[in-house]
Amino acid sequence: MTVRTNRKLRVLVVDDSALVRSILSRGLASDPELEVIGTAADPYQARDFIVRDRPDVMTLDIEMPKMDGLSFLRILMEKMPLPTVIVSSLGERGSKLALRALQEGAIDVVAKPHLAVADGLNTMMKDLIVRVKGAARSRVVARIPAALVAESSETTTNALAVTTDAVIALGASTGGVAALSRILPSFPASSPGIVVVQHMPAGFTADFARCLDETCAMRVAEARDGDRVLVGHVLVAPGGDRHLEVHRKGGEYRIALRAGPPVSGHAPSVDVFFRSVARHVGSNAAACLLTGMGADGAEGLLEIRRAGGRTFAQDRQSCAVWGMPAAAVEIGAVEASVPLSEIPQKLVAAARSRAAVPS
């Protein structure tokens, strides 16, 4: 979706609470680049508004009357795709539903703070404004209901505790939940070990890993400190304030989680992750930077390439936000930009070719 730059970005606010609609509208309208052109109390009102006024971006609550936000989003993304930022509680139920919304195609998610806490509300509004602007400038395409089918005929196998010879490293941010949900089921069960850093709030990644585990031939889990990187396994970095690194110990690759300030604006940071892969995996790495806002991961991907690893980026046409991949391409970190649907095959072939070469 292309948004004209000679006018304000037009926002629709959808929430069943009149108080929340008022707070969000005032907060968003305080930014000179944003114009709240309407509010809706339920998905039916929102549908009518979208058809009539075509906003650039929508904020959406999940739990609403008449039709829940998740069902509405699924229909919308199939019929009339619109950049959407989820504004929802991050309690256990809320976090699971928001995660599903990201898998359905929502661009981003922001946690609702307690409305009585002024500092929390101010922080949330600043965050929401940034995410709404980013979402409005993102590219959304009609959602395809059916998941991609892996080309491999291999079926799910019992977990094999076989240390991987090569490591596949994936980094993603805005739009990455949907992208990962599409490509990870296409990796065969015998793939080299995969490690993922996806920018997500704390509490999301465990549920995300469980959802992926149900659809993937590989085993998927949230990474823990000291975990081995194994053939047929995917490890997802925990959201929150810890960085994930891959270290080599003897003939094994293991996960190290460490606390630290944000790097490239994030914790976990893709740059920190990729730099550890460059240092400890080197030429046995195959890495790809997926859709995301900003530049996190670009410098780290360049280090992997300099260390002899294979490096790829999601191509512009299939990215929700061509920010992180664009930054990597610009500095020469990428050997090839690849459509999302071709990434699994490309990475598996690259990783296996690396592992076949004696280090």
Protein backbone atom coordinates (compact mmCIF):
# COMPACT_ATOMS: atom_id res chain seq x y z
CA MET A 1 0.00 0.00 0.00
CA THR A 2 1.33 3.41 -0.94
CA VAL A 3 0.33 6.40 1.17
CA ARG A 4 0.54 9.89 -0.31
CA THR A 5 2.94 12.10 1.62
CA ASN A 6 1.20 15.44 0.95
CA ARG A 7 -1.53 14.86 3.51
CA LYS A 8 -1.98 13.50 7.00
CA LEU A 9 -2.26 9.77 7.57
CA ARG A 10 -5.94 8.94 8.11
CA VAL A 11 -6.66 6.72 11.14
CA LEU A 12 -9.73 4.72 12.16
CA VAL A 13 -9.97 3.79 15.88
CA VAL A 14 -11.99 0.64 16.69
CA ASP A 15 -12.75 -0.21 20.33
CA ASP A 16 -15.94 -1.07 22.21
CA SER A 17 -15.05 1.30 25.08
CA ALA A 18 -16.10 4.92 24.53
CA LEU A 19 -13.42 6.02 27.00
CA VAL A 20 -10.66 4.16 25.15
CA ARG A 21 -11.86 5.50 21.80
CA SER A 22 -11.71 9.04 23.20
CA ILE A 23 -8.24 8.59 24.73
CA LEU A 24 -6.76 7.01 21.61
CA SER A 25 -8.34 9.57 19.30
CA ARG A 26 -7.00 12.52 21.29
CA GLY A 27 -3.56 10.99 21.63
CA LEU A 28 -3.21 10.11 17.95
CA ALA A 29 -4.60 13.47 16.81
CA SER A 30 -1.93 15.26 18.87
CA ASP A 31 0.62 14.24 16.25
CA PRO A 32 0.69 16.64 13.27
CA GLU A 33 1.11 13.78 10.79
CA LEU A 34 -2.01 11.90 11.91
CA GLU A 35 -5.72 12.60 11.46
CA VAL A 36 -8.33 10.47 13.25
CA ILE A 37 -11.13 10.44 10.70
CA GLY A 38 -13.49 8.30 12.75
CA THR A 39 -14.12 5.79 15.50
CA ALA A 40 -16.15 2.59 15.65
CA ALA A 41 -17.57 0.65 18.59
CA ASP A 42 -17.76 -2.72 16.83
CA PRO A 43 -16.60 -4.44 13.63
CA TYR A 44 -19.84 -3.73 11.77
CA GLN A 45 -19.47 0.01 12.26
CA ALA A 46 -15.79 -0.32 11.31
CA ARG A 47 -16.65 -2.21 8.11
CA ASP A 48 -19.07 0.49 6.99
CA PHE A 49 -16.52 3.17 7.75
CA ILE A 50 -13.72 1.41 5.85
CA VAL A 51 -15.88 0.88 2.75
CA ARG A 52 -17.03 4.51 2.77
CA ASP A 53 -13.92 6.44 3.82
CA ARG A 54 -10.91 4.18 3.11
CA PRO A 55 -8.61 5.04 6.05
CA ASP A 56 -4.85 4.51 5.72
CA VAL A 57 -4.55 2.56 8.96
CA MET A 58 -6.74 1.15 11.74
CA THR A 59 -6.24 0.51 15.45
CA LEU A 60 -8.24 -2.52 16.57
CA ASP A 61 -9.24 -4.02 19.90
CA ILE A 62 -9.63 -7.80 20.01
CA GLU A 63 -12.49 -8.50 22.39
CA MET A 64 -15.61 -6.65 21.21
CA PRO A 65 -19.37 -7.28 20.92
CA LYS A 66 -21.22 -8.63 17.84
CA MET A 67 -18.00 -9.91 16.23
CA ASP A 68 -14.61 -10.36 17.86
CA GLY A 69 -11.70 -8.40 16.41
CA LEU A 70 -9.87 -11.53 15.28
CA SER A 71 -12.77 -12.73 13.11
CA PHE A 72 -13.16 -9.22 11.71
CA LEU A 73 -9.46 -8.99 10.90
CA ARG A 74 -9.48 -12.36 9.13
CA ILE A 75 -12.36 -11.29 6.87
CA LEU A 76 -10.86 -7.86 6.29
CA MET A 77 -7.44 -9.19 5.28
CA GLU A 78 -9.03 -11.52 2.74
CA LYS A 79 -11.45 -8.98 1.24
CA MET A 80 -10.02 -5.48 1.78
CA PRO A 81 -6.51 -5.53 3.34
CA LEU A 82 -5.84 -2.58 5.65
CA PRO A 83 -2.73 -1.90 7.78
CA THR A 84 -3.83 -2.68 11.33
CA VAL A 85 -2.29 -2.11 14.75
CA ILE A 86 -3.74 -4.20 17.58
CA VAL A 87 -4.32 -2.25 20.81
CA SER A 88 -5.15 -4.84 23.44
CA SER A 89 -4.59 -6.05 26.94
CA LEU A 90 -1.58 -8.33 27.28
CA GLY A 91 -3.06 -10.61 29.90
CA GLU A 92 -2.77 -14.30 29.13
CA ARG A 93 -5.94 -14.42 27.03
CA GLY A 94 -5.25 -11.06 25.42
CA SER A 95 -1.69 -11.94 24.47
CA LYS A 96 -2.79 -15.17 22.76
CA LEU A 97 -5.48 -13.41 20.77
CA ALA A 98 -3.14 -10.57 19.80
CA LEU A 99 -0.59 -13.14 18.67
CA ARG A 100 -3.21 -14.81 16.49
CA ALA A 101 -4.06 -11.39 15.05
CA LEU A 102 -0.41 -10.89 14.07
CA GLN A 103 -0.47 -14.29 12.38
CA GLU A 104 -3.62 -13.23 10.52
CA GLY A 105 -1.83 -10.17 9.12
CA ALA A 106 -1.97 -7.36 11.70
CA ILE A 107 1.15 -5.23 11.35
CA ASP A 108 1.88 -4.53 15.02
CA VAL A 109 0.56 -4.78 18.58
CA VAL A 110 0.56 -2.30 21.45
CA ALA A 111 -0.38 -3.11 25.04
CA LYS A 112 -3.16 -1.18 26.74
CA PRO A 113 -1.88 0.27 30.02
CA HIS A 114 -4.04 0.81 33.08
CA LEU A 115 -5.93 3.98 32.17
CA ALA A 116 -5.51 5.41 35.67
CA VAL A 117 -1.71 5.44 35.37
CA ALA A 118 -0.77 8.64 33.54
CA ASP A 119 2.90 7.76 32.93
CA GLY A 120 1.98 4.40 31.44
CA LEU A 121 -0.64 6.00 29.22
CA ASN A 122 1.75 8.67 27.95
CA THR A 123 4.40 6.07 27.15
CA MET A 124 1.86 3.88 25.39
CA MET A 125 0.59 6.77 23.25
CA LYS A 126 4.11 7.68 22.11
CA ASP A 127 4.69 4.05 21.18
CA LEU A 128 1.32 3.79 19.44
CA ILE A 129 1.95 6.90 17.32
CA VAL A 130 5.26 5.46 16.06
CA ARG A 131 3.66 2.09 15.28
CA VAL A 132 0.61 3.58 13.58
CA LYS A 133 2.84 5.67 11.30
CA GLY A 134 4.93 2.63 10.46
CA ALA A 135 1.86 0.49 9.80
CA ALA A 136 0.29 3.12 7.56
CA ARG A 137 3.39 3.07 5.36
CA SER A 138 3.60 -0.72 5.27
CA ARG A 139 2.54 -2.97 2.43
CA VAL A 140 -0.37 -5.32 3.04
CA VAL A 141 -1.67 -7.88 0.58
CA ALA A 142 -4.80 -10.01 0.57
CA ARG A 143 -4.43 -12.89 2.98
CA ILE A 144 -4.36 -16.37 1.45
CA PRO A 145 -6.35 -18.65 3.78
CA ALA A 146 -4.49 -21.84 2.97
CA ALA A 147 -1.02 -22.27 4.43
CA LEU A 148 1.91 -22.96 2.16
CA VAL A 149 2.62 -26.63 1.66
CA ALA A 150 6.21 -27.79 2.02
CA GLU A 151 7.71 -29.12 -1.18
CA SER A 152 9.42 -31.86 0.78
CA SER A 153 7.54 -35.12 1.24
CA GLU A 154 9.11 -35.63 4.65
CA THR A 155 6.68 -35.98 7.53
CA THR A 156 7.00 -35.02 11.17
CA THR A 157 9.39 -37.29 13.02
CA ASN A 158 10.23 -37.76 16.63
CA ALA A 159 12.75 -35.21 17.88
CA LEU A 160 16.27 -36.36 17.13
CA ALA A 161 18.89 -35.17 19.59
CA VAL A 162 21.38 -34.67 16.77
CA THR A 163 23.59 -31.63 16.97
CA THR A 164 23.28 -29.55 13.84
CA ASP A 165 26.33 -29.06 11.60
CA ALA A 166 24.98 -25.77 10.27
CA VAL A 167 22.71 -23.11 11.74
CA ILE A 168 19.90 -21.28 9.97
CA ALA A 169 19.45 -17.82 11.53
CA LEU A 170 16.30 -15.74 11.01
CA GLY A 171 15.70 -12.17 12.15
CA ALA A 172 12.41 -10.28 11.85
CA SER A 173 10.35 -7.42 13.22
CA THR A 174 7.17 -5.71 11.96
CA GLY A 175 5.21 -8.18 9.85
CA GLY A 176 7.51 -11.01 10.89
CA VAL A 177 4.97 -13.03 12.85
CA ALA A 178 2.86 -13.53 9.73
CA ALA A 179 5.95 -14.15 7.59
CA LEU A 180 7.39 -16.74 9.98
CA SER A 181 3.98 -18.40 10.30
CA ARG A 182 4.01 -18.86 6.53
CA ILE A 183 7.55 -20.10 5.96
CA LEU A 184 8.45 -22.20 9.00
CA PRO A 185 5.87 -24.93 8.18
CA SER A 186 7.65 -25.32 4.82
CA PHE A 187 10.95 -26.44 6.37
CA PRO A 188 11.30 -30.25 6.31
CA ALA A 189 11.68 -32.16 9.57
CA SER A 190 15.33 -32.93 8.82
CA SER A 191 16.33 -29.28 8.35
CA PRO A 192 19.46 -27.98 10.07
CA GLY A 193 18.70 -26.27 13.37
CA ILE A 194 16.95 -22.91 13.12
CA VAL A 195 17.20 -20.01 15.56
CA VAL A 196 14.79 -17.06 15.34
CA VAL A 197 14.87 -13.57 16.80
CA GLN A 198 11.52 -11.84 16.26
CA HIS A 199 10.84 -8.51 17.98
CA MET A 200 7.93 -9.33 20.30
CA PRO A 201 6.75 -8.27 23.76
CA ALA A 202 7.47 -10.51 26.74
CA GLY A 203 4.83 -13.19 27.12
CA PHE A 204 4.15 -13.57 23.40
CA THR A 205 6.98 -15.80 22.26
CA ALA A 206 6.09 -18.90 24.27
CA ASP A 207 2.59 -18.93 22.77
CA PHE A 208 4.01 -18.12 19.34
CA ALA A 209 6.36 -21.10 19.56
CA ARG A 210 3.52 -23.40 20.67
CA CYS A 211 1.35 -22.26 17.75
CA LEU A 212 4.19 -22.88 15.30
CA ASP A 213 4.91 -26.28 16.81
CA GLU A 214 1.38 -27.37 15.89
CA THR A 215 1.87 -26.53 12.20
CA CYS A 216 5.55 -27.29 11.56
CA ALA A 217 7.32 -30.51 10.68
CA MET A 218 10.21 -29.27 12.83
CA ARG A 219 9.88 -29.06 16.60
CA VAL A 220 9.44 -25.45 17.76
CA ALA A 221 10.05 -24.09 21.28
CA GLU A 222 10.91 -20.88 23.06
CA ALA A 223 14.67 -20.83 23.62
CA ARG A 224 16.13 -21.31 27.10
CA ASP A 225 19.62 -20.51 28.26
CA GLY A 226 21.89 -23.46 27.46
CA ASP A 227 19.60 -25.11 24.89
CA ARG A 228 21.35 -27.08 22.17
CA VAL A 229 20.68 -26.18 18.55
CA LEU A 230 19.56 -29.47 17.04
CA VAL A 231 18.62 -30.87 13.66
CA GLY A 232 14.87 -30.63 13.17
CA HIS A 233 14.39 -28.01 15.90
CA VAL A 234 13.46 -24.31 15.85
CA LEU A 235 14.30 -22.11 18.84
CA VAL A 236 12.55 -18.74 19.20
CA ALA A 237 14.21 -16.01 21.28
CA PRO A 238 12.12 -15.02 24.33
CA GLY A 239 10.59 -11.54 24.12
CA GLY A 240 11.48 -9.07 26.82
CA ASP A 241 14.82 -7.58 27.79
CA ARG A 242 17.35 -10.35 27.14
CA HIS A 243 19.57 -10.81 24.11
CA LEU A 244 20.01 -14.21 22.47
CA GLU A 245 23.39 -15.41 21.27
CA VAL A 246 24.58 -18.68 19.70
CA HIS A 247 27.85 -20.00 21.12
CA ARG A 248 29.93 -23.00 20.11
CA LYS A 249 30.99 -25.45 22.82
CA GLY A 250 33.06 -28.29 21.43
CA GLY A 251 31.01 -29.81 18.61
CA GLU A 252 27.74 -28.24 19.77
CA TYR A 253 25.99 -24.95 19.26
CA ARG A 254 24.18 -23.68 22.35
CA ILE A 255 21.93 -20.75 23.21
CA ALA A 256 23.09 -18.04 25.62
CA LEU A 257 20.55 -15.55 26.99
CA ARG A 258 21.91 -12.44 28.66
CA ALA A 259 20.43 -9.27 30.07
CA GLY A 260 21.50 -6.01 28.52
CA PRO A 261 20.33 -2.66 27.23
CA PRO A 262 18.65 -2.47 23.81
CA VAL A 263 20.98 -2.69 20.81
CA SER A 264 19.83 -1.12 17.54
CA GLY A 265 16.74 -0.17 19.54
CA HIS A 266 15.79 -3.70 20.58
CA ALA A 267 16.25 -6.46 23.13
CA PRO A 268 16.48 -9.12 21.92
CA SER A 269 18.40 -7.56 19.06
CA VAL A 270 18.91 -9.24 15.70
CA ASP A 271 22.29 -7.51 15.41
CA VAL A 272 23.49 -9.09 18.68
CA PHE A 273 22.18 -12.47 17.52
CA PHE A 274 23.71 -12.29 14.04
CA ARG A 275 27.06 -11.09 15.38
CA SER A 276 27.25 -14.12 17.66
CA VAL A 277 26.42 -16.34 14.68
CA ALA A 278 29.21 -14.71 12.68
CA ARG A 279 31.66 -15.23 15.53
CA HIS A 280 30.76 -18.78 16.58
CA VAL A 281 29.12 -20.38 13.51
CA GLY A 282 30.90 -18.48 10.76
CA SER A 283 30.90 -20.23 7.38
CA ASN A 284 28.45 -22.86 8.66
CA ALA A 285 25.68 -20.24 8.90
CA ALA A 286 22.82 -19.46 6.52
CA ALA A 287 20.98 -16.31 7.60
CA CYS A 288 18.02 -14.31 6.38
CA LEU A 289 16.66 -10.93 7.43
CA LEU A 290 12.88 -10.73 7.09
CA THR A 291 10.38 -7.86 7.07
CA GLY A 292 10.82 -5.20 9.74
CA MET A 293 11.03 -1.52 10.54
CA GLY A 294 14.40 0.12 11.15
CA ALA A 295 17.84 -1.37 10.58
CA ASP A 296 18.32 -4.00 13.31
CA GLY A 297 20.19 -6.98 11.88
CA ALA A 298 21.79 -5.30 8.88
CA GLU A 299 25.25 -4.89 10.42
CA GLY A 300 25.11 -8.35 11.96
CA LEU A 301 24.18 -9.90 8.63
CA LEU A 302 27.17 -8.18 7.05
CA GLU A 303 29.42 -9.77 9.69
CA ILE A 304 27.99 -13.20 8.85
CA ARG A 305 28.77 -12.64 5.18
CA ARG A 306 32.30 -11.52 5.98
CA ALA A 307 32.74 -14.67 8.09
CA GLY A 308 31.89 -16.83 5.08
CA GLY A 309 28.24 -17.55 5.85
CA ARG A 310 25.42 -17.38 3.32
CA THR A 311 23.21 -14.29 3.64
CA PHE A 312 19.76 -13.49 2.25
CA ALA A 313 16.96 -10.99 2.72
CA GLN A 314 13.24 -11.09 2.06
CA ASP A 315 12.55 -9.19 -1.14
CA ARG A 316 10.76 -5.87 -1.25
CA GLN A 317 7.64 -7.16 -2.98
CA SER A 318 6.82 -9.70 -0.26
CA CYS A 319 7.78 -7.56 2.77
CA ALA A 320 5.19 -5.82 4.92
CA VAL A 321 7.92 -3.31 5.79
CA TRP A 322 11.07 -3.23 3.69
CA GLY A 323 13.15 -1.49 6.34
CA MET A 324 15.55 -3.98 7.89
CA PRO A 325 16.12 -5.89 4.60
CA ALA A 326 16.63 -2.60 2.74
CA ALA A 327 19.26 -1.50 5.25
CA ALA A 328 21.09 -4.81 4.79
CA VAL A 329 20.97 -4.57 1.01
CA GLU A 330 22.28 -1.00 1.14
CA ILE A 331 25.46 -1.94 3.01
CA GLY A 332 26.21 -5.02 0.91
CA ALA A 333 25.25 -7.59 3.55
CA VAL A 334 22.94 -9.57 1.25
CA GLU A 335 24.00 -11.99 -1.46
CA ALA A 336 20.42 -12.31 -2.76
CA SER A 337 16.95 -10.94 -2.04
CA VAL A 338 14.38 -13.75 -2.10
CA PRO A 339 10.55 -13.88 -2.26
CA LEU A 340 9.06 -15.10 1.01
CA SER A 341 7.76 -18.35 -0.51
CA GLU A 342 11.25 -19.33 -1.73
CA ILE A 343 13.13 -18.65 1.51
CA PRO A 344 12.83 -22.14 3.11
CA GLN A 345 14.21 -23.98 0.08
CA LYS A 346 16.98 -21.41 -0.37
CA LEU A 347 18.10 -21.54 3.27
CA VAL A 348 18.01 -25.32 3.60
CA ALA A 349 20.08 -25.73 0.43
CA ALA A 350 22.56 -23.08 1.57
CA ALA A 351 22.90 -24.52 5.08
CA ARG A 352 23.40 -28.06 3.83
CA SER A 353 26.02 -26.91 1.33
CA ARG A 354 27.86 -25.11 4.17
CA ALA A 355 27.70 -28.17 6.44
CA ALA A 356 29.08 -30.37 3.67
CA VAL A 357 32.24 -28.29 3.50
CA PRO A 358 34.80 -29.22 6.22
CA SER A 359 35.42 -26.28 8.57
